[in-house]
């Protein structure tokens, strides 16, 4: 007779009600691994293992690695779309001065990257890997993101509030400044222990605003 403590918990691989579905678990794991290892460094078995499901579920839900990457990219796009819309609304708000619009865009962008590090990492790795996947991310995410704030960037350059050779260059530099790597709060704490880890992104957005906005 098996004692209660020795009874098996249930069939191996069974997911409890509070666990994500197999498809959602695979997407979450795929985004993390594609962001950390790139497309070539990621394999279906590794994604399945990270998701805690069988490798056959990748083919059931997605078909293969290329389709899994595309589904991951589309998930990233859907999560970034509200932020792009927010920037577009701020940029088009005629009731705010251009420097006010820029300051809000900088603060909200810093907060977005703080709250969504996997988006930052996935985009960076896809661009670094190059090829058609980099083109897809650039065309469907970076181009709309740039367009959402371009009117404000143009106006700020025309009035001398920001200085750049081209608004696209300002956008890239600004994005790089605000999308710090995962360990940024720890590194900042070592360099400036008087700044608390919880305040690191606040200080980042404030410093970027002070650095880029001239004459205000």
N, C-alpha and C. Protein backbone atom coordinates (compact mmCIF):
# COMPACT_ATOMS: atom_id res chain seq x y z
N UNK A 1 0.85 -1.20 0.00
CA UNK A 1 0.00 0.00 0.00
C UNK A 1 0.88 1.24 0.00
N UNK A 2 0.55 2.17 -0.89
CA UNK A 2 1.34 3.40 -1.00
C UNK A 2 0.86 4.41 0.02
N UNK A 3 1.80 4.92 0.81
CA UNK A 3 1.45 5.96 1.77
C UNK A 3 1.08 7.23 1.02
N UNK A 4 0.30 8.10 1.68
CA UNK A 4 -0.19 9.33 1.04
C UNK A 4 0.94 10.18 0.51
N UNK A 5 2.02 10.30 1.27
CA UNK A 5 3.13 11.15 0.87
C UNK A 5 3.85 10.61 -0.35
N UNK A 6 3.65 9.30 -0.65
CA UNK A 6 4.37 8.70 -1.76
C UNK A 6 3.56 8.65 -3.04
N UNK A 7 2.28 9.06 -2.96
CA UNK A 7 1.43 9.00 -4.14
C UNK A 7 1.93 9.98 -5.18
N UNK A 8 1.95 9.57 -6.43
CA UNK A 8 2.40 10.50 -7.48
C UNK A 8 1.45 11.67 -7.60
N UNK A 9 1.98 12.82 -7.98
CA UNK A 9 1.18 14.04 -8.07
C UNK A 9 0.24 14.02 -9.26
N UNK A 10 0.46 13.16 -10.21
CA UNK A 10 -0.40 13.11 -11.39
C UNK A 10 0.45 12.78 -12.60
N UNK A 11 -0.17 12.61 -13.75
CA UNK A 11 0.58 12.28 -14.95
C UNK A 11 1.62 13.34 -15.26
N UNK A 12 2.79 12.89 -15.66
CA UNK A 12 3.88 13.81 -15.94
C UNK A 12 3.48 14.77 -17.06
N UNK A 13 3.78 16.06 -16.85
CA UNK A 13 3.48 17.04 -17.88
C UNK A 13 2.11 17.66 -17.76
N UNK A 14 1.26 17.19 -16.85
CA UNK A 14 -0.07 17.77 -16.72
C UNK A 14 0.04 19.17 -16.15
N UNK A 15 -0.66 20.12 -16.73
CA UNK A 15 -0.59 21.51 -16.32
C UNK A 15 -1.77 21.84 -15.41
N UNK A 16 -1.49 22.51 -14.31
CA UNK A 16 -2.55 22.89 -13.38
C UNK A 16 -3.29 24.09 -13.92
N UNK A 17 -4.44 24.39 -13.30
CA UNK A 17 -5.31 25.46 -13.80
C UNK A 17 -4.64 26.83 -13.76
N UNK A 18 -3.71 27.04 -12.81
CA UNK A 18 -3.07 28.34 -12.70
C UNK A 18 -1.82 28.48 -13.57
N UNK A 19 -1.52 27.46 -14.36
CA UNK A 19 -0.37 27.52 -15.27
C UNK A 19 -0.84 27.97 -16.65
N UNK A 20 0.02 28.66 -17.40
CA UNK A 20 -0.38 29.10 -18.74
C UNK A 20 -0.57 27.91 -19.66
N UNK A 21 -1.36 28.11 -20.73
CA UNK A 21 -1.56 27.04 -21.70
C UNK A 21 -0.24 26.70 -22.37
N UNK A 22 -0.23 25.54 -23.03
CA UNK A 22 1.00 25.14 -23.70
C UNK A 22 1.45 26.15 -24.73
N UNK A 23 0.52 26.72 -25.49
CA UNK A 23 0.87 27.71 -26.51
C UNK A 23 1.46 28.96 -25.87
N UNK A 24 0.82 29.45 -24.81
CA UNK A 24 1.31 30.66 -24.14
C UNK A 24 2.66 30.42 -23.48
N UNK A 25 2.82 29.25 -22.87
CA UNK A 25 4.10 28.92 -22.24
C UNK A 25 5.21 28.86 -23.29
N UNK A 26 4.91 28.29 -24.45
CA UNK A 26 5.90 28.22 -25.52
C UNK A 26 6.25 29.61 -26.04
N UNK A 27 5.26 30.46 -26.21
CA UNK A 27 5.53 31.82 -26.70
C UNK A 27 6.41 32.59 -25.72
N UNK A 28 6.08 32.49 -24.45
CA UNK A 28 6.85 33.19 -23.43
C UNK A 28 8.30 32.71 -23.41
N UNK A 29 8.47 31.40 -23.46
CA UNK A 29 9.82 30.83 -23.46
C UNK A 29 10.57 31.18 -24.74
N UNK A 30 9.88 31.14 -25.87
CA UNK A 30 10.51 31.44 -27.15
C UNK A 30 11.01 32.88 -27.19
N UNK A 31 10.21 33.81 -26.71
CA UNK A 31 10.62 35.22 -26.70
C UNK A 31 11.89 35.39 -25.87
N UNK A 32 11.93 34.74 -24.70
CA UNK A 32 13.11 34.84 -23.84
C UNK A 32 14.34 34.26 -24.53
N UNK A 33 14.19 33.09 -25.14
CA UNK A 33 15.34 32.42 -25.72
C UNK A 33 15.79 33.08 -27.02
N UNK A 34 14.86 33.49 -27.86
CA UNK A 34 15.25 34.21 -29.07
C UNK A 34 15.97 35.51 -28.71
N UNK A 35 15.51 36.17 -27.65
CA UNK A 35 16.14 37.41 -27.21
C UNK A 35 17.54 37.16 -26.66
N UNK A 36 17.73 36.07 -25.96
CA UNK A 36 19.02 35.79 -25.32
C UNK A 36 20.01 35.12 -26.26
N UNK A 37 19.53 34.24 -27.15
CA UNK A 37 20.41 33.39 -27.94
C UNK A 37 20.35 33.64 -29.44
N UNK A 38 19.40 34.45 -29.86
CA UNK A 38 19.22 34.66 -31.29
C UNK A 38 18.49 33.51 -31.95
N UNK A 39 18.18 33.68 -33.23
CA UNK A 39 17.43 32.66 -33.95
C UNK A 39 18.25 31.39 -34.13
N UNK A 40 19.48 31.51 -34.59
CA UNK A 40 20.29 30.33 -34.86
C UNK A 40 20.66 29.58 -33.58
N UNK A 41 20.78 30.30 -32.47
CA UNK A 41 21.16 29.66 -31.22
C UNK A 41 20.02 29.04 -30.45
N UNK A 42 18.82 29.19 -30.97
CA UNK A 42 17.63 28.66 -30.29
C UNK A 42 17.08 27.47 -31.05
N UNK A 43 16.74 26.40 -30.34
CA UNK A 43 16.15 25.24 -30.99
C UNK A 43 14.81 24.89 -30.33
N UNK A 44 14.02 24.13 -31.04
CA UNK A 44 12.68 23.79 -30.59
C UNK A 44 12.69 23.04 -29.26
N UNK A 45 13.61 22.10 -29.12
CA UNK A 45 13.66 21.33 -27.87
C UNK A 45 14.00 22.23 -26.68
N UNK A 46 14.88 23.18 -26.90
CA UNK A 46 15.23 24.09 -25.82
C UNK A 46 14.06 24.95 -25.40
N UNK A 47 13.30 25.42 -26.38
CA UNK A 47 12.11 26.22 -26.08
C UNK A 47 11.10 25.38 -25.31
N UNK A 48 10.87 24.17 -25.78
CA UNK A 48 9.90 23.28 -25.12
C UNK A 48 10.33 22.98 -23.69
N UNK A 49 11.62 22.73 -23.50
CA UNK A 49 12.11 22.44 -22.15
C UNK A 49 11.91 23.65 -21.24
N UNK A 50 12.20 24.85 -21.75
CA UNK A 50 12.03 26.06 -20.96
C UNK A 50 10.57 26.31 -20.63
N UNK A 51 9.68 25.87 -21.53
CA UNK A 51 8.25 26.05 -21.31
C UNK A 51 7.64 24.95 -20.46
N UNK A 52 8.39 23.86 -20.27
CA UNK A 52 7.88 22.75 -19.48
C UNK A 52 6.85 21.90 -20.21
N UNK A 53 6.98 21.83 -21.56
CA UNK A 53 6.05 21.04 -22.36
C UNK A 53 6.84 20.14 -23.32
N UNK A 54 6.16 19.26 -23.98
CA UNK A 54 6.81 18.39 -24.94
C UNK A 54 7.14 19.13 -26.23
N UNK A 55 8.24 18.73 -26.87
CA UNK A 55 8.67 19.40 -28.09
C UNK A 55 7.65 19.27 -29.21
N UNK A 56 6.83 18.22 -29.17
CA UNK A 56 5.83 18.04 -30.22
C UNK A 56 4.80 19.17 -30.22
N UNK A 57 4.63 19.84 -29.07
CA UNK A 57 3.64 20.92 -29.00
C UNK A 57 4.04 22.12 -29.84
N UNK A 58 5.34 22.28 -30.10
CA UNK A 58 5.76 23.38 -30.97
C UNK A 58 5.17 23.18 -32.36
N UNK A 59 5.23 21.95 -32.86
CA UNK A 59 4.68 21.67 -34.19
C UNK A 59 3.16 21.71 -34.17
N UNK A 60 2.57 21.30 -33.08
CA UNK A 60 1.11 21.33 -32.97
C UNK A 60 0.60 22.77 -33.05
N UNK A 61 1.24 23.68 -32.29
CA UNK A 61 0.75 25.05 -32.20
C UNK A 61 1.31 25.99 -33.25
N UNK A 62 2.54 25.72 -33.73
CA UNK A 62 3.20 26.69 -34.60
C UNK A 62 3.69 26.11 -35.92
N UNK A 63 4.04 24.86 -35.95
CA UNK A 63 4.53 24.24 -37.17
C UNK A 63 6.03 24.02 -37.17
N UNK A 64 6.82 25.02 -36.80
CA UNK A 64 8.27 24.89 -36.80
C UNK A 64 8.91 26.11 -36.19
N UNK A 65 10.24 26.16 -36.25
CA UNK A 65 10.95 27.25 -35.58
C UNK A 65 10.69 28.59 -36.24
N UNK A 66 10.64 28.63 -37.56
CA UNK A 66 10.41 29.89 -38.27
C UNK A 66 9.05 30.47 -37.89
N UNK A 67 8.05 29.60 -37.84
CA UNK A 67 6.70 30.06 -37.47
C UNK A 67 6.64 30.47 -36.00
N UNK A 68 7.40 29.78 -35.16
CA UNK A 68 7.45 30.14 -33.75
C UNK A 68 8.10 31.51 -33.57
N UNK A 69 9.15 31.78 -34.33
CA UNK A 69 9.78 33.11 -34.26
C UNK A 69 8.80 34.19 -34.71
N UNK A 70 8.09 33.92 -35.80
CA UNK A 70 7.14 34.92 -36.30
C UNK A 70 6.03 35.18 -35.29
N UNK A 71 5.53 34.13 -34.65
CA UNK A 71 4.50 34.31 -33.63
C UNK A 71 5.05 35.11 -32.45
N UNK A 72 6.32 34.87 -32.11
CA UNK A 72 6.96 35.63 -31.03
C UNK A 72 7.08 37.10 -31.41
N UNK A 73 7.50 37.36 -32.65
CA UNK A 73 7.64 38.73 -33.12
C UNK A 73 6.28 39.43 -33.14
N UNK A 74 5.25 38.74 -33.56
CA UNK A 74 3.91 39.34 -33.59
C UNK A 74 3.41 39.62 -32.19
N UNK A 75 3.76 38.79 -31.22
CA UNK A 75 3.40 39.05 -29.83
C UNK A 75 4.12 40.31 -29.33
N UNK A 76 5.40 40.45 -29.69
CA UNK A 76 6.16 41.65 -29.33
C UNK A 76 5.50 42.88 -29.93
N UNK A 77 5.11 42.80 -31.18
CA UNK A 77 4.47 43.92 -31.86
C UNK A 77 3.16 44.31 -31.17
N UNK A 78 2.37 43.32 -30.79
CA UNK A 78 1.08 43.61 -30.15
C UNK A 78 1.27 44.27 -28.80
N UNK A 79 2.34 43.93 -28.12
CA UNK A 79 2.61 44.53 -26.81
C UNK A 79 3.20 45.93 -26.93
N UNK A 80 3.90 46.18 -28.03
CA UNK A 80 4.50 47.50 -28.25
C UNK A 80 3.51 48.49 -28.86
N UNK A 81 2.48 47.99 -29.53
CA UNK A 81 1.56 48.87 -30.25
C UNK A 81 0.91 49.94 -29.36
N UNK A 82 0.45 49.61 -28.15
CA UNK A 82 -0.14 50.67 -27.31
C UNK A 82 0.84 51.79 -26.98
N UNK A 83 2.10 51.46 -26.77
CA UNK A 83 3.10 52.48 -26.49
C UNK A 83 3.32 53.38 -27.70
N UNK A 84 3.34 52.80 -28.89
CA UNK A 84 3.50 53.59 -30.11
C UNK A 84 2.32 54.55 -30.26
N UNK A 85 1.13 54.08 -29.94
CA UNK A 85 -0.05 54.94 -30.02
C UNK A 85 0.02 56.06 -29.00
N UNK A 86 0.50 55.77 -27.79
CA UNK A 86 0.65 56.80 -26.76
C UNK A 86 1.60 57.89 -27.23
N UNK A 87 2.73 57.50 -27.80
CA UNK A 87 3.71 58.48 -28.30
C UNK A 87 3.10 59.32 -29.42
N UNK A 88 2.35 58.68 -30.31
CA UNK A 88 1.70 59.42 -31.39
C UNK A 88 0.71 60.45 -30.84
N UNK A 89 -0.04 60.09 -29.81
CA UNK A 89 -0.99 61.02 -29.20
C UNK A 89 -0.27 62.19 -28.53
N UNK A 90 0.80 61.90 -27.82
CA UNK A 90 1.58 62.96 -27.17
C UNK A 90 2.18 63.88 -28.21
N UNK A 91 2.77 63.28 -29.26
CA UNK A 91 3.42 64.06 -30.29
C UNK A 91 2.44 64.97 -31.02
N UNK A 92 1.19 64.56 -31.10
CA UNK A 92 0.19 65.36 -31.79
C UNK A 92 -0.62 66.28 -30.90
N UNK A 93 -0.25 66.39 -29.64
CA UNK A 93 -0.98 67.23 -28.69
C UNK A 93 -0.53 68.69 -28.83
N UNK A 94 -1.32 69.48 -29.53
CA UNK A 94 -0.97 70.89 -29.77
C UNK A 94 -1.07 71.73 -28.51
N UNK A 95 -1.69 71.20 -27.47
CA UNK A 95 -1.81 71.93 -26.23
C UNK A 95 -0.56 71.91 -25.37
N UNK A 96 0.43 71.11 -25.77
CA UNK A 96 1.69 71.02 -25.04
C UNK A 96 2.80 71.65 -25.85
N UNK A 97 3.72 72.30 -25.17
CA UNK A 97 4.91 72.81 -25.83
C UNK A 97 5.76 71.64 -26.29
N UNK A 98 6.59 71.88 -27.28
CA UNK A 98 7.39 70.80 -27.84
C UNK A 98 8.32 70.19 -26.79
N UNK A 99 8.88 71.03 -25.91
CA UNK A 99 9.77 70.49 -24.89
C UNK A 99 9.00 69.65 -23.87
N UNK A 100 7.74 69.99 -23.64
CA UNK A 100 6.91 69.19 -22.73
C UNK A 100 6.60 67.84 -23.36
N UNK A 101 6.30 67.85 -24.65
CA UNK A 101 6.03 66.59 -25.34
C UNK A 101 7.24 65.67 -25.31
N UNK A 102 8.41 66.25 -25.58
CA UNK A 102 9.63 65.46 -25.58
C UNK A 102 9.91 64.86 -24.20
N UNK A 103 9.75 65.66 -23.16
CA UNK A 103 10.01 65.18 -21.81
C UNK A 103 9.08 64.03 -21.44
N UNK A 104 7.82 64.12 -21.84
CA UNK A 104 6.85 63.06 -21.55
C UNK A 104 7.20 61.80 -22.33
N UNK A 105 7.55 61.98 -23.61
CA UNK A 105 7.92 60.83 -24.44
C UNK A 105 9.13 60.11 -23.85
N UNK A 106 10.12 60.87 -23.41
CA UNK A 106 11.32 60.27 -22.82
C UNK A 106 10.97 59.50 -21.56
N UNK A 107 10.17 60.09 -20.69
CA UNK A 107 9.82 59.42 -19.43
C UNK A 107 9.03 58.14 -19.68
N UNK A 108 8.04 58.22 -20.57
CA UNK A 108 7.21 57.05 -20.82
C UNK A 108 7.99 55.95 -21.54
N UNK A 109 8.91 56.34 -22.40
CA UNK A 109 9.73 55.34 -23.09
C UNK A 109 10.64 54.62 -22.11
N UNK A 110 11.24 55.37 -21.20
CA UNK A 110 12.10 54.74 -20.18
C UNK A 110 11.28 53.77 -19.33
N UNK A 111 10.08 54.17 -18.94
CA UNK A 111 9.22 53.29 -18.14
C UNK A 111 8.83 52.04 -18.93
N UNK A 112 8.58 52.22 -20.23
CA UNK A 112 8.19 51.08 -21.07
C UNK A 112 9.31 50.04 -21.12
N UNK A 113 10.54 50.48 -21.33
CA UNK A 113 11.65 49.53 -21.39
C UNK A 113 11.91 48.90 -20.03
N UNK A 114 11.70 49.65 -18.97
CA UNK A 114 11.85 49.09 -17.64
C UNK A 114 10.86 47.95 -17.41
N UNK A 115 9.63 48.15 -17.85
CA UNK A 115 8.57 47.16 -17.61
C UNK A 115 8.55 46.04 -18.62
N UNK A 116 9.25 46.21 -19.75
CA UNK A 116 9.21 45.21 -20.83
C UNK A 116 10.61 44.88 -21.34
N UNK A 117 11.48 44.38 -20.46
CA UNK A 117 12.87 44.12 -20.90
C UNK A 117 12.96 43.09 -22.02
N UNK A 118 12.02 42.14 -22.08
CA UNK A 118 12.09 41.12 -23.11
C UNK A 118 11.84 41.72 -24.50
N UNK A 119 11.04 42.79 -24.56
CA UNK A 119 10.82 43.46 -25.85
C UNK A 119 12.11 44.11 -26.31
N UNK A 120 12.75 44.85 -25.41
CA UNK A 120 14.03 45.47 -25.73
C UNK A 120 15.04 44.42 -26.22
N UNK A 121 15.17 43.32 -25.50
CA UNK A 121 16.17 42.31 -25.82
C UNK A 121 15.85 41.59 -27.12
N UNK A 122 14.57 41.29 -27.34
CA UNK A 122 14.15 40.59 -28.57
C UNK A 122 14.45 41.46 -29.78
N UNK A 123 14.11 42.73 -29.70
CA UNK A 123 14.34 43.64 -30.83
C UNK A 123 15.83 43.80 -31.09
N UNK A 124 16.60 44.02 -30.05
CA UNK A 124 18.04 44.20 -30.22
C UNK A 124 18.69 42.98 -30.84
N UNK A 125 18.32 41.80 -30.35
CA UNK A 125 18.95 40.58 -30.87
C UNK A 125 18.54 40.34 -32.31
N UNK A 126 17.30 40.60 -32.64
CA UNK A 126 16.83 40.41 -34.02
C UNK A 126 17.56 41.34 -34.98
N UNK A 127 17.74 42.59 -34.57
CA UNK A 127 18.46 43.55 -35.42
C UNK A 127 19.92 43.15 -35.54
N UNK A 128 20.52 42.72 -34.43
CA UNK A 128 21.93 42.33 -34.45
C UNK A 128 22.16 41.12 -35.34
N UNK A 129 21.20 40.20 -35.39
CA UNK A 129 21.35 38.99 -36.21
C UNK A 129 21.28 39.30 -37.69
N UNK A 130 20.60 40.39 -38.05
CA UNK A 130 20.50 40.79 -39.45
C UNK A 130 19.56 39.91 -40.25
N UNK A 131 19.51 40.13 -41.55
CA UNK A 131 18.70 39.30 -42.43
C UNK A 131 17.23 39.69 -42.45
N UNK A 132 16.41 38.78 -42.93
CA UNK A 132 15.00 39.08 -43.13
C UNK A 132 14.25 39.29 -41.83
N UNK A 133 14.68 38.65 -40.76
CA UNK A 133 14.02 38.86 -39.48
C UNK A 133 14.31 40.27 -38.95
N UNK A 134 15.52 40.75 -39.14
CA UNK A 134 15.86 42.12 -38.76
C UNK A 134 15.02 43.11 -39.58
N UNK A 135 14.87 42.83 -40.87
CA UNK A 135 14.06 43.70 -41.72
C UNK A 135 12.61 43.72 -41.25
N UNK A 136 12.10 42.56 -40.86
CA UNK A 136 10.71 42.49 -40.41
C UNK A 136 10.51 43.33 -39.15
N UNK A 137 11.41 43.20 -38.18
CA UNK A 137 11.31 43.97 -36.94
C UNK A 137 11.44 45.46 -37.22
N UNK A 138 12.38 45.82 -38.09
CA UNK A 138 12.57 47.24 -38.42
C UNK A 138 11.32 47.81 -39.10
N UNK A 139 10.77 47.07 -40.07
CA UNK A 139 9.64 47.58 -40.84
C UNK A 139 8.35 47.65 -40.03
N UNK A 140 8.15 46.67 -39.18
CA UNK A 140 6.85 46.59 -38.48
C UNK A 140 6.85 47.22 -37.09
N UNK A 141 8.05 47.43 -36.52
CA UNK A 141 8.11 48.00 -35.17
C UNK A 141 8.87 49.31 -35.13
N UNK A 142 10.12 49.33 -35.60
CA UNK A 142 10.94 50.52 -35.47
C UNK A 142 10.45 51.66 -36.37
N UNK A 143 10.05 51.35 -37.58
CA UNK A 143 9.56 52.41 -38.47
C UNK A 143 8.29 53.07 -37.90
N UNK A 144 7.29 52.30 -37.46
CA UNK A 144 6.12 52.95 -36.84
C UNK A 144 6.47 53.70 -35.55
N UNK A 145 7.40 53.15 -34.76
CA UNK A 145 7.80 53.84 -33.52
C UNK A 145 8.44 55.18 -33.84
N UNK A 146 9.29 55.21 -34.83
CA UNK A 146 9.92 56.45 -35.25
C UNK A 146 8.89 57.44 -35.77
N UNK A 147 7.99 56.96 -36.60
CA UNK A 147 6.96 57.82 -37.18
C UNK A 147 6.06 58.43 -36.10
N UNK A 148 5.83 57.70 -35.02
CA UNK A 148 4.91 58.19 -33.99
C UNK A 148 5.43 59.45 -33.30
N UNK A 149 6.74 59.63 -33.24
CA UNK A 149 7.29 60.81 -32.58
C UNK A 149 7.99 61.78 -33.51
N UNK A 150 8.01 61.50 -34.81
CA UNK A 150 8.81 62.29 -35.74
C UNK A 150 8.39 63.75 -35.78
N UNK A 151 7.10 64.03 -35.72
CA UNK A 151 6.66 65.43 -35.78
C UNK A 151 7.25 66.24 -34.63
N UNK A 152 7.31 65.65 -33.46
CA UNK A 152 7.91 66.33 -32.31
C UNK A 152 9.42 66.47 -32.48
N UNK A 153 10.08 65.43 -32.99
CA UNK A 153 11.51 65.51 -33.22
C UNK A 153 11.83 66.61 -34.23
N UNK A 154 11.05 66.68 -35.32
CA UNK A 154 11.27 67.70 -36.34
C UNK A 154 11.13 69.10 -35.75
N UNK A 155 10.07 69.31 -34.98
CA UNK A 155 9.83 70.63 -34.40
C UNK A 155 10.93 70.99 -33.40
N UNK A 156 11.34 70.02 -32.60
CA UNK A 156 12.38 70.29 -31.60
C UNK A 156 13.71 70.63 -32.27
N UNK A 157 14.01 69.98 -33.40
CA UNK A 157 15.23 70.32 -34.13
C UNK A 157 15.13 71.69 -34.76
N UNK A 158 13.96 72.03 -35.31
CA UNK A 158 13.78 73.32 -35.97
C UNK A 158 13.92 74.48 -35.00
N UNK A 159 13.51 74.26 -33.75
CA UNK A 159 13.58 75.31 -32.74
C UNK A 159 14.88 75.28 -31.94
N UNK A 160 15.74 74.30 -32.21
CA UNK A 160 17.02 74.23 -31.54
C UNK A 160 16.99 73.59 -30.17
N UNK A 161 15.87 73.00 -29.81
CA UNK A 161 15.77 72.35 -28.49
C UNK A 161 16.59 71.07 -28.46
N UNK A 162 16.59 70.34 -29.56
CA UNK A 162 17.49 69.20 -29.70
C UNK A 162 18.40 69.44 -30.89
N UNK A 163 19.60 68.87 -30.84
CA UNK A 163 20.58 69.05 -31.91
C UNK A 163 20.95 67.68 -32.45
N UNK A 164 20.70 67.51 -33.72
CA UNK A 164 21.02 66.24 -34.37
C UNK A 164 21.11 66.47 -35.85
N UNK A 165 21.88 65.61 -36.53
CA UNK A 165 21.99 65.71 -37.98
C UNK A 165 20.69 65.32 -38.67
N UNK A 166 19.92 64.46 -38.02
CA UNK A 166 18.68 63.97 -38.63
C UNK A 166 17.78 63.44 -37.53
N UNK A 167 16.46 63.62 -37.63
CA UNK A 167 15.57 63.10 -36.58
C UNK A 167 15.67 61.59 -36.40
N UNK A 168 15.98 60.86 -37.47
CA UNK A 168 16.12 59.40 -37.34
C UNK A 168 17.32 59.06 -36.47
N UNK A 169 18.40 59.82 -36.60
CA UNK A 169 19.57 59.59 -35.75
C UNK A 169 19.25 59.92 -34.30
N UNK A 170 18.49 61.00 -34.08
CA UNK A 170 18.09 61.33 -32.72
C UNK A 170 17.24 60.20 -32.13
N UNK A 171 16.32 59.66 -32.91
CA UNK A 171 15.47 58.57 -32.45
C UNK A 171 16.30 57.36 -32.04
N UNK A 172 17.29 56.99 -32.86
CA UNK A 172 18.12 55.83 -32.56
C UNK A 172 18.95 56.07 -31.30
N UNK A 173 19.55 57.25 -31.20
CA UNK A 173 20.37 57.57 -30.03
C UNK A 173 19.51 57.59 -28.77
N UNK A 174 18.33 58.19 -28.87
CA UNK A 174 17.42 58.26 -27.73
C UNK A 174 16.99 56.87 -27.30
N UNK A 175 16.63 56.03 -28.26
CA UNK A 175 16.20 54.67 -27.95
C UNK A 175 17.31 53.88 -27.27
N UNK A 176 18.53 54.01 -27.78
CA UNK A 176 19.65 53.31 -27.18
C UNK A 176 19.92 53.80 -25.76
N UNK A 177 19.78 55.10 -25.55
CA UNK A 177 20.04 55.66 -24.22
C UNK A 177 19.02 55.15 -23.20
N UNK A 178 17.78 54.98 -23.62
CA UNK A 178 16.71 54.61 -22.69
C UNK A 178 16.55 53.11 -22.52
N UNK A 179 17.00 52.32 -23.48
CA UNK A 179 16.81 50.87 -23.42
C UNK A 179 18.07 50.21 -22.87
N UNK A 180 18.36 50.46 -21.62
CA UNK A 180 19.56 49.92 -20.99
C UNK A 180 19.40 48.41 -20.73
N UNK A 181 20.50 47.68 -20.67
CA UNK A 181 20.42 46.23 -20.45
C UNK A 181 19.88 45.89 -19.07
N UNK A 182 19.54 44.62 -18.91
CA UNK A 182 18.86 44.15 -17.70
C UNK A 182 19.61 44.51 -16.42
N UNK A 183 20.93 44.48 -16.44
CA UNK A 183 21.70 44.74 -15.24
C UNK A 183 21.97 46.20 -14.95
N UNK A 184 21.34 47.09 -15.70
CA UNK A 184 21.59 48.52 -15.53
C UNK A 184 21.43 49.01 -14.09
N UNK A 185 20.34 48.68 -13.36
CA UNK A 185 20.21 49.16 -11.98
C UNK A 185 21.35 48.70 -11.08
N UNK A 186 21.84 47.48 -11.29
CA UNK A 186 22.94 46.95 -10.47
C UNK A 186 24.24 47.69 -10.76
N UNK A 187 24.51 47.94 -12.04
CA UNK A 187 25.73 48.66 -12.40
C UNK A 187 25.68 50.09 -11.88
N UNK A 188 24.54 50.74 -12.05
CA UNK A 188 24.40 52.10 -11.54
C UNK A 188 24.59 52.15 -10.04
N UNK A 189 24.07 51.15 -9.33
CA UNK A 189 24.22 51.10 -7.87
C UNK A 189 25.68 50.99 -7.46
N UNK A 190 26.49 50.29 -8.26
CA UNK A 190 27.91 50.18 -7.96
C UNK A 190 28.63 51.50 -8.21
N UNK A 191 28.24 52.19 -9.29
CA UNK A 191 28.88 53.45 -9.63
C UNK A 191 28.38 54.60 -8.76
N UNK A 192 27.09 54.54 -8.42
CA UNK A 192 26.48 55.63 -7.64
C UNK A 192 25.58 55.02 -6.58
N UNK A 193 26.17 54.51 -5.49
CA UNK A 193 25.37 53.84 -4.46
C UNK A 193 24.33 54.73 -3.80
N UNK A 194 24.48 56.05 -3.96
CA UNK A 194 23.49 56.96 -3.38
C UNK A 194 22.18 56.97 -4.15
N UNK A 195 22.19 56.39 -5.36
CA UNK A 195 20.95 56.27 -6.14
C UNK A 195 20.38 54.87 -5.91
N UNK A 196 19.20 54.80 -5.35
CA UNK A 196 18.58 53.51 -5.09
C UNK A 196 18.21 52.78 -6.37
N UNK A 197 18.24 51.45 -6.34
CA UNK A 197 17.91 50.65 -7.52
C UNK A 197 16.52 50.97 -8.05
N UNK A 198 15.57 51.21 -7.15
CA UNK A 198 14.21 51.49 -7.59
C UNK A 198 14.09 52.83 -8.30
N UNK A 199 15.07 53.70 -8.09
CA UNK A 199 15.05 55.02 -8.72
C UNK A 199 15.90 55.10 -9.97
N UNK A 200 16.51 53.99 -10.37
CA UNK A 200 17.49 54.03 -11.46
C UNK A 200 16.88 54.51 -12.77
N UNK A 201 15.70 54.01 -13.12
CA UNK A 201 15.10 54.40 -14.39
C UNK A 201 14.53 55.82 -14.33
N UNK A 202 14.11 56.27 -13.16
CA UNK A 202 13.67 57.65 -13.00
C UNK A 202 14.85 58.59 -13.25
N UNK A 203 15.99 58.27 -12.64
CA UNK A 203 17.18 59.09 -12.84
C UNK A 203 17.65 59.02 -14.29
N UNK A 204 17.49 57.86 -14.91
CA UNK A 204 17.87 57.72 -16.31
C UNK A 204 17.05 58.67 -17.19
N UNK A 205 15.72 58.64 -17.04
CA UNK A 205 14.88 59.49 -17.88
C UNK A 205 15.14 60.97 -17.61
N UNK A 206 15.37 61.33 -16.35
CA UNK A 206 15.67 62.71 -16.01
C UNK A 206 16.99 63.15 -16.64
N UNK A 207 18.00 62.29 -16.57
CA UNK A 207 19.31 62.64 -17.12
C UNK A 207 19.27 62.74 -18.64
N UNK A 208 18.55 61.82 -19.28
CA UNK A 208 18.43 61.87 -20.75
C UNK A 208 17.71 63.14 -21.17
N UNK A 209 16.66 63.50 -20.44
CA UNK A 209 15.94 64.74 -20.74
C UNK A 209 16.86 65.95 -20.62
N UNK A 210 17.63 66.01 -19.55
CA UNK A 210 18.54 67.14 -19.34
C UNK A 210 19.67 67.15 -20.36
N UNK A 211 20.07 65.97 -20.79
CA UNK A 211 21.17 65.87 -21.75
C UNK A 211 20.76 66.31 -23.16
N UNK A 212 19.57 65.90 -23.58
CA UNK A 212 19.16 66.13 -24.96
C UNK A 212 18.42 67.43 -25.21
N UNK A 213 17.71 67.93 -24.22
CA UNK A 213 16.88 69.11 -24.43
C UNK A 213 17.67 70.37 -24.08
N UNK A 214 17.95 71.17 -25.09
CA UNK A 214 18.76 72.37 -24.92
C UNK A 214 17.86 73.61 -24.95
N UNK A 215 18.30 74.63 -24.27
CA UNK A 215 17.64 75.94 -24.36
C UNK A 215 16.31 76.03 -23.70
N UNK A 216 16.04 75.16 -22.67
CA UNK A 216 14.76 75.24 -21.96
C UNK A 216 15.02 75.42 -20.48
